[in-house]
Amino acid sequence: MELGKFSVSLAVKDIILSKSFYEKLGFSQIGGNLDMKYLIMQNGTNTIGLFEGMFDANILTFNPGWDDFGNPLDEFDDIREIQKNLKTNGLDLQKQADESTSGPASAVLIDPDGNQILIDQHV
């Protein structure tokens, strides 16, 4: 099971201050919308999302169907197959993708320490 591109989605207090900080670490904006208070930042193959006011805690994020730079892959494990595998392995999902659909969808689960994990397919 391949979960896809990994990133950390950070719940930030001030998007402009956070953007400036991560730029000093060598990250540059590759996506998002400053006016909508979210940015996607990348340094090499390392990706973080900065989200002001969208959620309360940081989230581990996986994007099936994306390579290390957020480009669509021709072949990948679809979120619905990943979801079936997780459920077969006895994991409880807080949110599930509709298995009767195709294309973009997401699923959410919580690890034993309360960390939220988002599997978010955009293709």
PDB file of N, CA and C in Angstrom:
ATOM      1  N   MET A   1       0.856  -1.175   0.000  1.00  0.00           N
ATOM      2  CA  MET A   1       0.000   0.000   0.000  1.00  0.00           C
ATOM      3  C   MET A   1       0.899   1.234   0.000  1.00  0.00           C
ATOM      4  N   GLU A   2       0.726   2.080  -0.991  1.00  0.00           N
ATOM      5  CA  GLU A   2       1.483   3.331  -1.127  1.00  0.00           C
ATOM      6  C   GLU A   2       0.542   4.486  -0.811  1.00  0.00           C
ATOM      7  N   LEU A   3       0.859   5.242   0.242  1.00  0.00           N
ATOM      8  CA  LEU A   3      -0.012   6.327   0.690  1.00  0.00           C
ATOM      9  C   LEU A   3       0.124   7.597  -0.134  1.00  0.00           C
ATOM     10  N   GLY A   4       1.199   7.743  -0.874  1.00  0.00           N
ATOM     11  CA  GLY A   4       1.386   8.930  -1.698  1.00  0.00           C
ATOM     12  C   GLY A   4       2.309   9.946  -1.063  1.00  0.00           C
ATOM     13  N   LYS A   5       2.345  11.118  -1.642  1.00  0.00           N
ATOM     14  CA  LYS A   5       3.209  12.218  -1.207  1.00  0.00           C
ATOM     15  C   LYS A   5       2.906  12.582   0.236  1.00  0.00           C
ATOM     16  N   PHE A   6       3.960  12.671   1.071  1.00  0.00           N
ATOM     17  CA  PHE A   6       3.797  13.027   2.480  1.00  0.00           C
ATOM     18  C   PHE A   6       4.096  14.498   2.698  1.00  0.00           C
ATOM     19  N   SER A   7       3.297  15.130   3.537  1.00  0.00           N
ATOM     20  CA  SER A   7       3.567  16.491   3.977  1.00  0.00           C
ATOM     21  C   SER A   7       2.975  16.671   5.373  1.00  0.00           C
ATOM     22  N   VAL A   8       3.334  17.760   5.984  1.00  0.00           N
ATOM     23  CA  VAL A   8       2.752  18.129   7.263  1.00  0.00           C
ATOM     24  C   VAL A   8       1.927  19.388   7.045  1.00  0.00           C
ATOM     25  N   SER A   9       0.695  19.346   7.468  1.00  0.00           N
ATOM     26  CA  SER A   9      -0.182  20.502   7.382  1.00  0.00           C
ATOM     27  C   SER A   9      -0.148  21.188   8.743  1.00  0.00           C
ATOM     28  N   LEU A  10       0.378  22.411   8.770  1.00  0.00           N
ATOM     29  CA  LEU A  10       0.560  23.124  10.021  1.00  0.00           C
ATOM     30  C   LEU A  10      -0.553  24.129  10.264  1.00  0.00           C
ATOM     31  N   ALA A  11      -1.134  24.075  11.443  1.00  0.00           N
ATOM     32  CA  ALA A  11      -2.116  25.066  11.872  1.00  0.00           C
ATOM     33  C   ALA A  11      -1.317  26.257  12.396  1.00  0.00           C
ATOM     34  N   VAL A  12      -1.326  27.357  11.642  1.00  0.00           N
ATOM     35  CA  VAL A  12      -0.504  28.514  12.008  1.00  0.00           C
ATOM     36  C   VAL A  12      -1.379  29.660  12.498  1.00  0.00           C
ATOM     37  N   LYS A  13      -0.793  30.529  13.312  1.00  0.00           N
ATOM     38  CA  LYS A  13      -1.519  31.677  13.864  1.00  0.00           C
ATOM     39  C   LYS A  13      -1.470  32.884  12.938  1.00  0.00           C
ATOM     40  N   ASP A  14      -0.356  33.042  12.200  1.00  0.00           N
ATOM     41  CA  ASP A  14      -0.177  34.197  11.323  1.00  0.00           C
ATOM     42  C   ASP A  14       0.483  33.716  10.039  1.00  0.00           C
ATOM     43  N   ILE A  15      -0.283  33.615   8.970  1.00  0.00           N
ATOM     44  CA  ILE A  15       0.203  33.046   7.710  1.00  0.00           C
ATOM     45  C   ILE A  15       1.383  33.831   7.146  1.00  0.00           C
ATOM     46  N   ILE A  16       1.371  35.140   7.264  1.00  0.00           N
ATOM     47  CA  ILE A  16       2.462  35.958   6.719  1.00  0.00           C
ATOM     48  C   ILE A  16       3.748  35.737   7.510  1.00  0.00           C
ATOM     49  N   LEU A  17       3.642  35.711   8.833  1.00  0.00           N
ATOM     50  CA  LEU A  17       4.800  35.457   9.679  1.00  0.00           C
ATOM     51  C   LEU A  17       5.362  34.049   9.433  1.00  0.00           C
ATOM     52  N   SER A  18       4.480  33.071   9.309  1.00  0.00           N
ATOM     53  CA  SER A  18       4.910  31.692   9.063  1.00  0.00           C
ATOM     54  C   SER A  18       5.557  31.548   7.690  1.00  0.00           C
ATOM     55  N   LYS A  19       4.983  32.191   6.691  1.00  0.00           N
ATOM     56  CA  LYS A  19       5.566  32.153   5.340  1.00  0.00           C
ATOM     57  C   LYS A  19       6.983  32.702   5.369  1.00  0.00           C
ATOM     58  N   SER A  20       7.167  33.827   5.999  1.00  0.00           N
ATOM     59  CA  SER A  20       8.492  34.446   6.097  1.00  0.00           C
ATOM     60  C   SER A  20       9.478  33.530   6.825  1.00  0.00           C
ATOM     61  N   PHE A  21       9.038  32.922   7.916  1.00  0.00           N
ATOM     62  CA  PHE A  21       9.899  32.013   8.675  1.00  0.00           C
ATOM     63  C   PHE A  21      10.357  30.841   7.814  1.00  0.00           C
ATOM     64  N   TYR A  22       9.419  30.172   7.146  1.00  0.00           N
ATOM     65  CA  TYR A  22       9.772  28.992   6.357  1.00  0.00           C
ATOM     66  C   TYR A  22      10.569  29.352   5.108  1.00  0.00           C
ATOM     67  N   GLU A  23      10.373  30.550   4.570  1.00  0.00           N
ATOM     68  CA  GLU A  23      11.228  30.994   3.465  1.00  0.00           C
ATOM     69  C   GLU A  23      12.675  31.118   3.931  1.00  0.00           C
ATOM     70  N   LYS A  24      12.885  31.553   5.156  1.00  0.00           N
ATOM     71  CA  LYS A  24      14.240  31.646   5.702  1.00  0.00           C
ATOM     72  C   LYS A  24      14.871  30.285   5.897  1.00  0.00           C
ATOM     73  N   LEU A  25      14.043  29.243   5.993  1.00  0.00           N
ATOM     74  CA  LEU A  25      14.542  27.866   6.064  1.00  0.00           C
ATOM     75  C   LEU A  25      14.765  27.267   4.678  1.00  0.00           C
ATOM     76  N   GLY A  26      14.482  28.045   3.641  1.00  0.00           N
ATOM     77  CA  GLY A  26      14.702  27.579   2.278  1.00  0.00           C
ATOM     78  C   GLY A  26      13.469  27.081   1.560  1.00  0.00           C
ATOM     79  N   PHE A  27      12.305  27.207   2.161  1.00  0.00           N
ATOM     80  CA  PHE A  27      11.064  26.799   1.506  1.00  0.00           C
ATOM     81  C   PHE A  27      10.591  27.908   0.577  1.00  0.00           C
ATOM     82  N   SER A  28       9.915  27.525  -0.509  1.00  0.00           N
ATOM     83  CA  SER A  28       9.294  28.506  -1.389  1.00  0.00           C
ATOM     84  C   SER A  28       7.860  28.064  -1.670  1.00  0.00           C
ATOM     85  N   GLN A  29       7.025  29.033  -1.959  1.00  0.00           N
ATOM     86  CA  GLN A  29       5.614  28.758  -2.206  1.00  0.00           C
ATOM     87  C   GLN A  29       5.446  28.079  -3.552  1.00  0.00           C
ATOM     88  N   ILE A  30       4.721  26.955  -3.559  1.00  0.00           N
ATOM     89  CA  ILE A  30       4.419  26.258  -4.813  1.00  0.00           C
ATOM     90  C   ILE A  30       2.918  26.182  -5.067  1.00  0.00           C
ATOM     91  N   GLY A  31       2.135  26.610  -4.093  1.00  0.00           N
ATOM     92  CA  GLY A  31       0.690  26.551  -4.251  1.00  0.00           C
ATOM     93  C   GLY A  31      -0.001  27.282  -3.127  1.00  0.00           C
ATOM     94  N   GLY A  32      -1.311  27.251  -3.182  1.00  0.00           N
ATOM     95  CA  GLY A  32      -2.105  27.899  -2.154  1.00  0.00           C
ATOM     96  C   GLY A  32      -2.516  29.299  -2.547  1.00  0.00           C
ATOM     97  N   ASN A  33      -3.079  30.009  -1.572  1.00  0.00           N
ATOM     98  CA  ASN A  33      -3.592  31.347  -1.820  1.00  0.00           C
ATOM     99  C   ASN A  33      -3.474  32.141  -0.524  1.00  0.00           C
ATOM    100  N   LEU A  34      -2.597  33.122  -0.515  1.00  0.00           N
ATOM    101  CA  LEU A  34      -2.363  33.918   0.682  1.00  0.00           C
ATOM    102  C   LEU A  34      -3.647  34.605   1.160  1.00  0.00           C
ATOM    103  N   ASP A  35      -4.466  35.098   0.228  1.00  0.00           N
ATOM    104  CA  ASP A  35      -5.722  35.756   0.604  1.00  0.00           C
ATOM    105  C   ASP A  35      -6.690  34.784   1.283  1.00  0.00           C
ATOM    106  N   MET A  36      -6.605  33.511   0.915  1.00  0.00           N
ATOM    107  CA  MET A  36      -7.464  32.496   1.531  1.00  0.00           C
ATOM    108  C   MET A  36      -6.788  31.869   2.758  1.00  0.00           C
ATOM    109  N   LYS A  37      -5.606  32.356   3.097  1.00  0.00           N
ATOM    110  CA  LYS A  37      -4.861  31.981   4.298  1.00  0.00           C
ATOM    111  C   LYS A  37      -4.396  30.532   4.319  1.00  0.00           C
ATOM    112  N   TYR A  38      -3.968  30.035   3.136  1.00  0.00           N
ATOM    113  CA  TYR A  38      -3.283  28.751   3.105  1.00  0.00           C
ATOM    114  C   TYR A  38      -2.218  28.782   2.013  1.00  0.00           C
ATOM    115  N   LEU A  39      -1.083  28.160   2.308  1.00  0.00           N
ATOM    116  CA  LEU A  39       0.028  28.093   1.366  1.00  0.00           C
ATOM    117  C   LEU A  39       0.615  26.695   1.375  1.00  0.00           C
ATOM    118  N   ILE A  40       1.119  26.275   0.231  1.00  0.00           N
ATOM    119  CA  ILE A  40       1.895  25.043   0.130  1.00  0.00           C
ATOM    120  C   ILE A  40       3.323  25.475  -0.147  1.00  0.00           C
ATOM    121  N   MET A  41       4.238  25.008   0.696  1.00  0.00           N
ATOM    122  CA  MET A  41       5.640  25.415   0.619  1.00  0.00           C
ATOM    123  C   MET A  41       6.494  24.168   0.403  1.00  0.00           C
ATOM    124  N   GLN A  42       7.572  24.323  -0.383  1.00  0.00           N
ATOM    125  CA  GLN A  42       8.429  23.171  -0.667  1.00  0.00           C
ATOM    126  C   GLN A  42       9.893  23.560  -0.593  1.00  0.00           C
ATOM    127  N   ASN A  43      10.696  22.620  -0.101  1.00  0.00           N
ATOM    128  CA  ASN A  43      12.150  22.710  -0.060  1.00  0.00           C
ATOM    129  C   ASN A  43      12.649  21.352  -0.524  1.00  0.00           C
ATOM    130  N   GLY A  44      13.141  21.260  -1.737  1.00  0.00           N
ATOM    131  CA  GLY A  44      13.496  19.951  -2.300  1.00  0.00           C
ATOM    132  C   GLY A  44      12.232  19.123  -2.422  1.00  0.00           C
ATOM    133  N   THR A  45      12.246  17.928  -1.853  1.00  0.00           N
ATOM    134  CA  THR A  45      11.053  17.081  -1.864  1.00  0.00           C
ATOM    135  C   THR A  45      10.248  17.220  -0.576  1.00  0.00           C
ATOM    136  N   ASN A  46      10.667  18.112   0.318  1.00  0.00           N
ATOM    137  CA  ASN A  46       9.965  18.330   1.585  1.00  0.00           C
ATOM    138  C   ASN A  46       8.852  19.348   1.388  1.00  0.00           C
ATOM    139  N   THR A  47       7.658  18.981   1.803  1.00  0.00           N
ATOM    140  CA  THR A  47       6.496  19.834   1.600  1.00  0.00           C
ATOM    141  C   THR A  47       5.776  20.068   2.923  1.00  0.00           C
ATOM    142  N   ILE A  48       5.380  21.316   3.136  1.00  0.00           N
ATOM    143  CA  ILE A  48       4.537  21.659   4.276  1.00  0.00           C
ATOM    144  C   ILE A  48       3.382  22.511   3.767  1.00  0.00           C
ATOM    145  N   GLY A  49       2.275  22.422   4.452  1.00  0.00           N
ATOM    146  CA  GLY A  49       1.153  23.311   4.193  1.00  0.00           C
ATOM    147  C   GLY A  49       0.998  24.219   5.392  1.00  0.00           C
ATOM    148  N   LEU A  50       0.763  25.491   5.141  1.00  0.00           N
ATOM    149  CA  LEU A  50       0.514  26.465   6.199  1.00  0.00           C
ATOM    150  C   LEU A  50      -0.954  26.868   6.109  1.00  0.00           C
ATOM    151  N   PHE A  51      -1.701  26.685   7.189  1.00  0.00           N
ATOM    152  CA  PHE A  51      -3.140  26.918   7.173  1.00  0.00           C
ATOM    153  C   PHE A  51      -3.522  27.773   8.381  1.00  0.00           C
ATOM    154  N   GLU A  52      -3.947  28.981   8.141  1.00  0.00           N
ATOM    155  CA  GLU A  52      -4.364  29.867   9.227  1.00  0.00           C
ATOM    156  C   GLU A  52      -5.873  29.777   9.428  1.00  0.00           C
ATOM    157  N   GLY A  53      -6.272  29.366  10.623  1.00  0.00           N
ATOM    158  CA  GLY A  53      -7.684  29.342  10.987  1.00  0.00           C
ATOM    159  C   GLY A  53      -8.509  28.226  10.388  1.00  0.00           C
ATOM    160  N   MET A  54      -7.886  27.232   9.777  1.00  0.00           N
ATOM    161  CA  MET A  54      -8.657  26.164   9.130  1.00  0.00           C
ATOM    162  C   MET A  54      -8.847  24.942  10.019  1.00  0.00           C
ATOM    163  N   PHE A  55      -7.916  24.701  10.925  1.00  0.00           N
ATOM    164  CA  PHE A  55      -8.042  23.589  11.864  1.00  0.00           C
ATOM    165  C   PHE A  55      -7.210  23.889  13.107  1.00  0.00           C
ATOM    166  N   ASP A  56      -7.435  23.112  14.163  1.00  0.00           N
ATOM    167  CA  ASP A  56      -6.851  23.407  15.473  1.00  0.00           C
ATOM    168  C   ASP A  56      -5.476  22.804  15.715  1.00  0.00           C
ATOM    169  N   ALA A  57      -5.148  21.748  15.011  1.00  0.00           N
ATOM    170  CA  ALA A  57      -3.886  21.046  15.273  1.00  0.00           C
ATOM    171  C   ALA A  57      -3.195  20.695  13.958  1.00  0.00           C
ATOM    172  N   ASN A  58      -1.931  20.358  14.049  1.00  0.00           N
ATOM    173  CA  ASN A  58      -1.175  19.926  12.878  1.00  0.00           C
ATOM    174  C   ASN A  58      -1.690  18.574  12.411  1.00  0.00           C
ATOM    175  N   ILE A  59      -1.551  18.313  11.119  1.00  0.00           N
ATOM    176  CA  ILE A  59      -2.070  17.086  10.521  1.00  0.00           C
ATOM    177  C   ILE A  59      -0.987  16.448   9.653  1.00  0.00           C
ATOM    178  N   LEU A  60      -0.806  15.132   9.797  1.00  0.00           N
ATOM    179  CA  LEU A  60       0.046  14.381   8.876  1.00  0.00           C
ATOM    180  C   LEU A  60      -0.791  14.134   7.625  1.00  0.00           C
ATOM    181  N   THR A  61      -0.267  14.493   6.466  1.00  0.00           N
ATOM    182  CA  THR A  61      -1.049  14.427   5.231  1.00  0.00           C
ATOM    183  C   THR A  61      -0.353  13.554   4.192  1.00  0.00           C
ATOM    184  N   PHE A  62      -1.124  12.693   3.560  1.00  0.00           N
ATOM    185  CA  PHE A  62      -0.646  11.866   2.454  1.00  0.00           C
ATOM    186  C   PHE A  62      -1.533  12.143   1.250  1.00  0.00           C
ATOM    187  N   ASN A  63      -0.916  12.280   0.083  1.00  0.00           N
ATOM    188  CA  ASN A  63      -1.661  12.554  -1.147  1.00  0.00           C
ATOM    189  C   ASN A  63      -1.428  11.450  -2.171  1.00  0.00           C
ATOM    190  N   PRO A  64      -2.331  10.442  -2.213  1.00  0.00           N
ATOM    191  CA  PRO A  64      -2.222   9.421  -3.249  1.00  0.00           C
ATOM    192  C   PRO A  64      -2.318  10.064  -4.632  1.00  0.00           C
ATOM    193  N   GLY A  65      -1.528   9.571  -5.559  1.00  0.00           N
ATOM    194  CA  GLY A  65      -1.592  10.065  -6.932  1.00  0.00           C
ATOM    195  C   GLY A  65      -0.642  11.189  -7.235  1.00  0.00           C
ATOM    196  N   TRP A  66       0.140  11.626  -6.243  1.00  0.00           N
ATOM    197  CA  TRP A  66       1.123  12.692  -6.455  1.00  0.00           C
ATOM    198  C   TRP A  66       2.532  12.174  -6.247  1.00  0.00           C
ATOM    199  N   ASP A  67       3.471  12.674  -7.070  1.00  0.00           N
ATOM    200  CA  ASP A  67       4.879  12.377  -6.845  1.00  0.00           C
ATOM    201  C   ASP A  67       5.431  13.344  -5.791  1.00  0.00           C
ATOM    202  N   ASP A  68       6.743  13.314  -5.571  1.00  0.00           N
ATOM    203  CA  ASP A  68       7.368  14.145  -4.541  1.00  0.00           C
ATOM    204  C   ASP A  68       7.229  15.640  -4.775  1.00  0.00           C
ATOM    205  N   PHE A  69       6.830  16.033  -5.976  1.00  0.00           N
ATOM    206  CA  PHE A  69       6.693  17.454  -6.290  1.00  0.00           C
ATOM    207  C   PHE A  69       5.246  17.862  -6.557  1.00  0.00           C
ATOM    208  N   GLY A  70       4.306  16.974  -6.229  1.00  0.00           N
ATOM    209  CA  GLY A  70       2.891  17.288  -6.407  1.00  0.00           C
ATOM    210  C   GLY A  70       2.382  17.128  -7.818  1.00  0.00           C
ATOM    211  N   ASN A  71       3.142  16.419  -8.653  1.00  0.00           N
ATOM    212  CA  ASN A  71       2.705  16.149 -10.028  1.00  0.00           C
ATOM    213  C   ASN A  71       1.893  14.860 -10.055  1.00  0.00           C
ATOM    214  N   PRO A  72       0.837  14.799 -10.851  1.00  0.00           N
ATOM    215  CA  PRO A  72       0.019  13.591 -10.919  1.00  0.00           C
ATOM    216  C   PRO A  72       0.805  12.395 -11.455  1.00  0.00           C
ATOM    217  N   LEU A  73       0.539  11.240 -10.854  1.00  0.00           N
ATOM    218  CA  LEU A  73       1.135   9.980 -11.297  1.00  0.00           C
ATOM    219  C   LEU A  73       0.161   9.247 -12.214  1.00  0.00           C
ATOM    220  N   ASP A  74       0.693   8.480 -13.159  1.00  0.00           N
ATOM    221  CA  ASP A  74      -0.157   7.678 -14.033  1.00  0.00           C
ATOM    222  C   ASP A  74      -0.768   6.499 -13.282  1.00  0.00           C
ATOM    223  N   GLU A  75       0.022   5.905 -12.380  1.00  0.00           N
ATOM    224  CA  GLU A  75      -0.447   4.758 -11.609  1.00  0.00           C
ATOM    225  C   GLU A  75      -0.209   5.025 -10.134  1.00  0.00           C
ATOM    226  N   PHE A  76      -1.207   4.694  -9.324  1.00  0.00           N
ATOM    227  CA  PHE A  76      -1.090   4.883  -7.877  1.00  0.00           C
ATOM    228  C   PHE A  76      -2.190   4.098  -7.182  1.00  0.00           C
ATOM    229  N   ASP A  77      -2.031   3.897  -5.872  1.00  0.00           N
ATOM    230  CA  ASP A  77      -3.059   3.240  -5.070  1.00  0.00           C
ATOM    231  C   ASP A  77      -4.159   4.256  -4.778  1.00  0.00           C
ATOM    232  N   ASP A  78      -5.354   3.978  -5.256  1.00  0.00           N
ATOM    233  CA  ASP A  78      -6.488   4.866  -5.068  1.00  0.00           C
ATOM    234  C   ASP A  78      -6.892   4.908  -3.593  1.00  0.00           C
ATOM    235  N   ILE A  79      -7.394   6.048  -3.151  1.00  0.00           N
ATOM    236  CA  ILE A  79      -7.817   6.240  -1.759  1.00  0.00           C
ATOM    237  C   ILE A  79      -8.785   5.153  -1.308  1.00  0.00           C
ATOM    238  N   ARG A  80      -9.635   4.691  -2.199  1.00  0.00           N
ATOM    239  CA  ARG A  80     -10.627   3.685  -1.818  1.00  0.00           C
ATOM    240  C   ARG A  80      -9.966   2.339  -1.516  1.00  0.00           C
ATOM    241  N   GLU A  81      -8.925   1.997  -2.278  1.00  0.00           N
ATOM    242  CA  GLU A  81      -8.174   0.768  -2.001  1.00  0.00           C
ATOM    243  C   GLU A  81      -7.372   0.907  -0.712  1.00  0.00           C
ATOM    244  N   ILE A  82      -6.779   2.052  -0.515  1.00  0.00           N
ATOM    245  CA  ILE A  82      -6.045   2.313   0.725  1.00  0.00           C
ATOM    246  C   ILE A  82      -7.000   2.195   1.907  1.00  0.00           C
ATOM    247  N   GLN A  83      -8.154   2.801   1.778  1.00  0.00           N
ATOM    248  CA  GLN A  83      -9.165   2.766   2.836  1.00  0.00           C
ATOM    249  C   GLN A  83      -9.582   1.338   3.168  1.00  0.00           C
ATOM    250  N   LYS A  84      -9.824   0.521   2.158  1.00  0.00           N
ATOM    251  CA  LYS A  84     -10.192  -0.885   2.387  1.00  0.00           C
ATOM    252  C   LYS A  84      -9.091  -1.603   3.152  1.00  0.00           C
ATOM    253  N   ASN A  85      -7.838  -1.350   2.765  1.00  0.00           N
ATOM    254  CA  ASN A  85      -6.705  -1.974   3.428  1.00  0.00           C
ATOM    255  C   ASN A  85      -6.629  -1.555   4.899  1.00  0.00           C
ATOM    256  N   LEU A  86      -6.821  -0.273   5.168  1.00  0.00           N
ATOM    257  CA  LEU A  86      -6.782   0.220   6.544  1.00  0.00           C
ATOM    258  C   LEU A  86      -7.868  -0.436   7.386  1.00  0.00           C
ATOM    259  N   LYS A  87      -9.073  -0.530   6.834  1.00  0.00           N
ATOM    260  CA  LYS A  87     -10.179  -1.144   7.569  1.00  0.00           C
ATOM    261  C   LYS A  87      -9.935  -2.635   7.781  1.00  0.00           C
ATOM    262  N   THR A  88      -9.365  -3.315   6.773  1.00  0.00           N
ATOM    263  CA  THR A  88      -9.028  -4.729   6.913  1.00  0.00           C
ATOM    264  C   THR A  88      -8.015  -4.935   8.037  1.00  0.00           C
ATOM    265  N   ASN A  89      -7.124  -3.953   8.205  1.00  0.00           N
ATOM    266  CA  ASN A  89      -6.114  -4.027   9.264  1.00  0.00           C
ATOM    267  C   ASN A  89      -6.646  -3.564  10.621  1.00  0.00           C
ATOM    268  N   GLY A  90      -7.954  -3.346  10.714  1.00  0.00           N
ATOM    269  CA  GLY A  90      -8.579  -3.039  11.992  1.00  0.00           C
ATOM    270  C   GLY A  90      -8.521  -1.591  12.424  1.00  0.00           C
ATOM    271  N   LEU A  91      -8.224  -0.688  11.501  1.00  0.00           N
ATOM    272  CA  LEU A  91      -8.163   0.734  11.851  1.00  0.00           C
ATOM    273  C   LEU A  91      -9.534   1.387  11.677  1.00  0.00           C
ATOM    274  N   ASP A  92      -9.882   2.246  12.622  1.00  0.00           N
ATOM    275  CA  ASP A  92     -11.135   2.989  12.551  1.00  0.00           C
ATOM    276  C   ASP A  92     -10.887   4.297  11.828  1.00  0.00           C
ATOM    277  N   LEU A  93     -11.740   4.617  10.890  1.00  0.00           N
ATOM    278  CA  LEU A  93     -11.622   5.871  10.155  1.00  0.00           C
ATOM    279  C   LEU A  93     -12.667   6.861  10.660  1.00  0.00           C
ATOM    280  N   GLN A  94     -12.219   8.089  10.886  1.00  0.00           N
ATOM    281  CA  GLN A  94     -13.107   9.148  11.335  1.00  0.00           C
ATOM    282  C   GLN A  94     -13.952   9.679  10.178  1.00  0.00           C
ATOM    283  N   LYS A  95     -13.358   9.656   9.001  1.00  0.00           N
ATOM    284  CA  LYS A  95     -14.035  10.072   7.778  1.00  0.00           C
ATOM    285  C   LYS A  95     -13.634   9.075   6.703  1.00  0.00           C
ATOM    286  N   GLN A  96     -14.571   8.708   5.838  1.00  0.00           N
ATOM    287  CA  GLN A  96     -14.285   7.736   4.790  1.00  0.00           C
ATOM    288  C   GLN A  96     -14.651   8.283   3.416  1.00  0.00           C
ATOM    289  N   ALA A  97     -13.874   7.840   2.434  1.00  0.00           N
ATOM    290  CA  ALA A  97     -14.196   8.140   1.040  1.00  0.00           C
ATOM    291  C   ALA A  97     -15.387   7.279   0.623  1.00  0.00           C
ATOM    292  N   ASP A  98     -16.229   7.821  -0.208  1.00  0.00           N
ATOM    293  CA  ASP A  98     -17.363   7.075  -0.743  1.00  0.00           C
ATOM    294  C   ASP A  98     -16.817   6.071  -1.751  1.00  0.00           C
ATOM    295  N   GLU A  99     -16.967   4.798  -1.442  1.00  0.00           N
ATOM    296  CA  GLU A  99     -16.387   3.743  -2.279  1.00  0.00           C
ATOM    297  C   GLU A  99     -17.123   3.561  -3.604  1.00  0.00           C
ATOM    298  N   SER A 100     -18.249   4.203  -3.771  1.00  0.00           N
ATOM    299  CA  SER A 100     -18.977   4.090  -5.040  1.00  0.00           C
ATOM    300  C   SER A 100     -18.543   5.162  -6.041  1.00  0.00           C
ATOM    301  N   THR A 101     -17.603   6.018  -5.639  1.00  0.00           N
ATOM    302  CA  THR A 101     -17.146   7.102  -6.508  1.00  0.00           C
ATOM    303  C   THR A 101     -15.734   6.826  -7.012  1.00  0.00           C
ATOM    304  N   SER A 102     -15.236   7.719  -7.846  1.00  0.00           N
ATOM    305  CA  SER A 102     -13.848   7.676  -8.298  1.00  0.00           C
ATOM    306  C   SER A 102     -13.308   9.099  -8.274  1.00  0.00           C
ATOM    307  N   GLY A 103     -12.001   9.248  -8.407  1.00  0.00           N
ATOM    308  CA  GLY A 103     -11.400  10.571  -8.413  1.00  0.00           C
ATOM    309  C   GLY A 103     -11.118  11.101  -7.024  1.00  0.00           C
ATOM    310  N   PRO A 104     -11.099  12.424  -6.890  1.00  0.00           N
ATOM    311  CA  PRO A 104     -10.736  13.039  -5.617  1.00  0.00           C
ATOM    312  C   PRO A 104     -11.633  12.589  -4.457  1.00  0.00           C
ATOM    313  N   ALA A 105     -10.990  12.307  -3.324  1.00  0.00           N
ATOM    314  CA  ALA A 105     -11.700  11.900  -2.111  1.00  0.00           C
ATOM    315  C   ALA A 105     -10.695  11.889  -0.975  1.00  0.00           C
ATOM    316  N   SER A 106     -11.196  11.752   0.246  1.00  0.00           N
ATOM    317  CA  SER A 106     -10.286  11.724   1.386  1.00  0.00           C
ATOM    318  C   SER A 106     -10.814  10.818   2.484  1.00  0.00           C
ATOM    319  N   ALA A 107      -9.896  10.449   3.366  1.00  0.00           N
ATOM    320  CA  ALA A 107     -10.211   9.665   4.555  1.00  0.00           C
ATOM    321  C   ALA A 107      -9.364  10.218   5.693  1.00  0.00           C
ATOM    322  N   VAL A 108      -9.881  10.090   6.909  1.00  0.00           N
ATOM    323  CA  VAL A 108      -9.176  10.601   8.086  1.00  0.00           C
ATOM    324  C   VAL A 108      -9.167   9.526   9.158  1.00  0.00           C
ATOM    325  N   LEU A 109      -8.028   9.380   9.816  1.00  0.00           N
ATOM    326  CA  LEU A 109      -7.921   8.518  10.970  1.00  0.00           C
ATOM    327  C   LEU A 109      -7.056   9.198  12.025  1.00  0.00           C
ATOM    328  N   ILE A 110      -7.113   8.681  13.235  1.00  0.00           N
ATOM    329  CA  ILE A 110      -6.378   9.244  14.361  1.00  0.00           C
ATOM    330  C   ILE A 110      -5.430   8.175  14.871  1.00  0.00           C
ATOM    331  N   ASP A 111      -4.152   8.549  15.080  1.00  0.00           N
ATOM    332  CA  ASP A 111      -3.189   7.580  15.607  1.00  0.00           C
ATOM    333  C   ASP A 111      -3.380   7.432  17.121  1.00  0.00           C
ATOM    334  N   PRO A 112      -2.698   6.469  17.765  1.00  0.00           N
ATOM    335  CA  PRO A 112      -2.901   6.228  19.194  1.00  0.00           C
ATOM    336  C   PRO A 112      -2.591   7.424  20.097  1.00  0.00           C
ATOM    337  N   ASP A 113      -1.824   8.394  19.593  1.00  0.00           N
ATOM    338  CA  ASP A 113      -1.484   9.575  20.391  1.00  0.00           C
ATOM    339  C   ASP A 113      -2.377  10.776  20.090  1.00  0.00           C
ATOM    340  N   GLY A 114      -3.408  10.565  19.276  1.00  0.00           N
ATOM    341  CA  GLY A 114      -4.343  11.633  18.980  1.00  0.00           C
ATOM    342  C   GLY A 114      -3.978  12.485  17.781  1.00  0.00           C
ATOM    343  N   ASN A 115      -2.933  12.106  17.044  1.00  0.00           N
ATOM    344  CA  ASN A 115      -2.542  12.855  15.852  1.00  0.00           C
ATOM    345  C   ASN A 115      -3.464  12.507  14.691  1.00  0.00           C
ATOM    346  N   GLN A 116      -3.941  13.536  14.016  1.00  0.00           N
ATOM    347  CA  GLN A 116      -4.827  13.332  12.880  1.00  0.00           C
ATOM    348  C   GLN A 116      -4.000  13.003  11.644  1.00  0.00           C
ATOM    349  N   ILE A 117      -4.457  12.015  10.882  1.00  0.00           N
ATOM    350  CA  ILE A 117      -3.831  11.629   9.617  1.00  0.00           C
ATOM    351  C   ILE A 117      -4.878  11.784   8.523  1.00  0.00           C
ATOM    352  N   LEU A 118      -4.542  12.599   7.541  1.00  0.00           N
ATOM    353  CA  LEU A 118      -5.428  12.860   6.406  1.00  0.00           C
ATOM    354  C   LEU A 118      -4.827  12.211   5.174  1.00  0.00           C
ATOM    355  N   ILE A 119      -5.627  11.364   4.518  1.00  0.00           N
ATOM    356  CA  ILE A 119      -5.247  10.805   3.221  1.00  0.00           C
ATOM    357  C   ILE A 119      -6.149  11.503   2.219  1.00  0.00           C
ATOM    358  N   ASP A 120      -5.545  12.380   1.425  1.00  0.00           N
ATOM    359  CA  ASP A 120      -6.294  13.335   0.623  1.00  0.00           C
ATOM    360  C   ASP A 120      -5.891  13.215  -0.843  1.00  0.00           C
ATOM    361  N   GLN A 121      -6.725  12.538  -1.624  1.00  0.00           N
ATOM    362  CA  GLN A 121      -6.441  12.317  -3.039  1.00  0.00           C
ATOM    363  C   GLN A 121      -7.067  13.428  -3.868  1.00  0.00           C
ATOM    364  N   HIS A 122      -6.251  14.076  -4.694  1.00  0.00           N
ATOM    365  CA  HIS A 122      -6.724  15.188  -5.528  1.00  0.00           C
ATOM    366  C   HIS A 122      -6.901  14.813  -6.994  1.00  0.00           C
ATOM    367  N   VAL A 123      -6.510  13.612  -7.390  1.00  0.00           N
ATOM    368  CA  VAL A 123      -6.595  13.204  -8.800  1.00  0.00           C
ATOM    369  C   VAL A 123      -7.602  12.089  -8.976  1.00  0.00           C
TER     370      VAL A 123
END
